[in-house]
Protein backbone atom coordinates (compact mmCIF):
# COMPACT_ATOMS: atom_id res chain seq x y z
CA UNK A 1 20.74 -1.81 -22.94
CA UNK A 2 19.37 -5.17 -21.84
CA UNK A 3 22.72 -6.23 -20.41
CA UNK A 4 22.97 -2.97 -18.48
CA UNK A 5 19.55 -3.50 -16.94
CA UNK A 6 20.33 -7.13 -16.13
CA UNK A 7 23.51 -6.06 -14.32
CA UNK A 8 21.73 -3.36 -12.36
CA UNK A 9 18.67 -5.32 -11.28
CA UNK A 10 20.11 -6.55 -7.97
CA UNK A 11 21.58 -3.16 -6.94
CA UNK A 12 18.31 -1.44 -7.88
CA UNK A 13 16.32 -3.97 -5.89
CA UNK A 14 18.69 -3.52 -2.94
CA UNK A 15 18.22 0.23 -3.13
CA UNK A 16 14.45 -0.21 -3.17
CA UNK A 17 14.68 -2.48 -0.12
CA UNK A 18 16.74 0.14 1.70
CA UNK A 19 14.20 2.85 0.86
CA UNK A 20 11.35 0.63 2.00
CA UNK A 21 13.04 -0.12 5.32
CA UNK A 22 13.73 3.56 5.93
CA UNK A 23 10.16 4.48 4.99
CA UNK A 24 8.73 1.89 7.38
CA UNK A 25 11.11 3.03 10.13
CA UNK A 26 9.59 6.49 9.82
CA UNK A 27 6.16 4.98 10.54
CA UNK A 28 7.19 3.61 13.96
CA UNK A 29 8.40 5.41 17.08
CA UNK A 30 11.35 3.04 17.74
CA UNK A 31 12.43 3.45 14.13
CA UNK A 32 12.41 7.20 14.51
CA UNK A 33 14.54 6.91 17.63
CA UNK A 34 17.07 4.83 15.67
CA UNK A 35 17.12 7.54 13.02
CA UNK A 36 17.62 10.21 15.68
CA UNK A 37 14.26 11.90 15.12
CA UNK A 38 11.70 12.85 17.78
CA UNK A 39 8.60 10.64 18.18
CA UNK A 40 6.34 13.46 16.98
CA UNK A 41 7.71 13.03 13.44
CA UNK A 42 5.80 9.78 12.73
CA UNK A 43 4.61 9.89 9.13
CA UNK A 44 3.11 7.40 6.70
CA UNK A 45 3.86 9.38 3.52
CA UNK A 46 7.20 7.73 2.58
CA UNK A 47 5.80 4.26 3.22
CA UNK A 48 2.72 5.13 1.18
CA UNK A 49 4.90 6.16 -1.76
CA UNK A 50 7.05 3.00 -1.63
CA UNK A 51 3.89 0.89 -1.37
CA UNK A 52 2.21 2.25 -4.48
CA UNK A 53 0.01 1.06 -6.27
CA UNK A 54 -1.28 -1.12 -3.41
CA UNK A 55 -1.35 1.78 -0.95
CA UNK A 56 -3.58 3.90 -3.20
CA UNK A 57 -6.59 3.57 -0.83
CA UNK A 58 -4.58 5.51 1.77
CA UNK A 59 -4.17 8.35 -0.72
CA UNK A 60 -7.81 8.35 -1.80
CA UNK A 61 -9.61 7.81 1.52
CA UNK A 62 -9.00 8.86 5.12
CA UNK A 63 -8.31 6.03 7.60
CA UNK A 64 -7.26 5.89 11.23
CA UNK A 65 -3.59 5.36 11.99
CA UNK A 66 -3.81 1.60 12.69
CA UNK A 67 -5.62 0.88 9.42
CA UNK A 68 -3.23 3.12 7.49
CA UNK A 69 -0.24 1.33 9.00
CA UNK A 70 -1.70 -2.08 8.13
CA UNK A 71 -2.44 -1.09 4.53
CA UNK A 72 1.00 0.46 4.08
CA UNK A 73 2.84 -2.54 5.54
CA UNK A 74 0.94 -5.03 3.38
CA UNK A 75 1.50 -2.85 0.31
CA UNK A 76 5.23 -2.70 0.92
CA UNK A 77 5.39 -6.45 1.55
CA UNK A 78 3.62 -7.08 -1.76
CA UNK A 79 6.02 -4.81 -3.62
CA UNK A 80 9.06 -6.47 -2.03
CA UNK A 81 7.78 -9.94 -2.97
CA UNK A 82 6.89 -8.94 -6.53
CA UNK A 83 10.23 -7.18 -6.94
CA UNK A 84 12.10 -10.27 -5.74
CA UNK A 85 10.24 -12.43 -8.25
CA UNK A 86 11.10 -10.01 -11.04
CA UNK A 87 14.76 -9.83 -10.08
CA UNK A 88 15.12 -13.61 -9.78
CA UNK A 89 13.32 -14.27 -13.06
CA UNK A 90 16.43 -13.29 -15.02
CA UNK A 91 18.69 -15.83 -13.25
């Protein structure tokens, strides 16, 4: 079991990075254009989910769009950094 998890840690981390990038693309108008979606479809929900637990204030309280975007981006950056440290700790 431990060997299986150690072999899958980099692919799992890569998948999480891909999900995070897609979630943050959905929070920006140019990202939506690259995905082929109209600009009216801007949403912070996927980025909030990938940024948990640091993005929990967005779920609990109501913020304006700029503050929500800042919280979500910092939360995702923290999760990416912590995930990288966890993945590299086994090497």
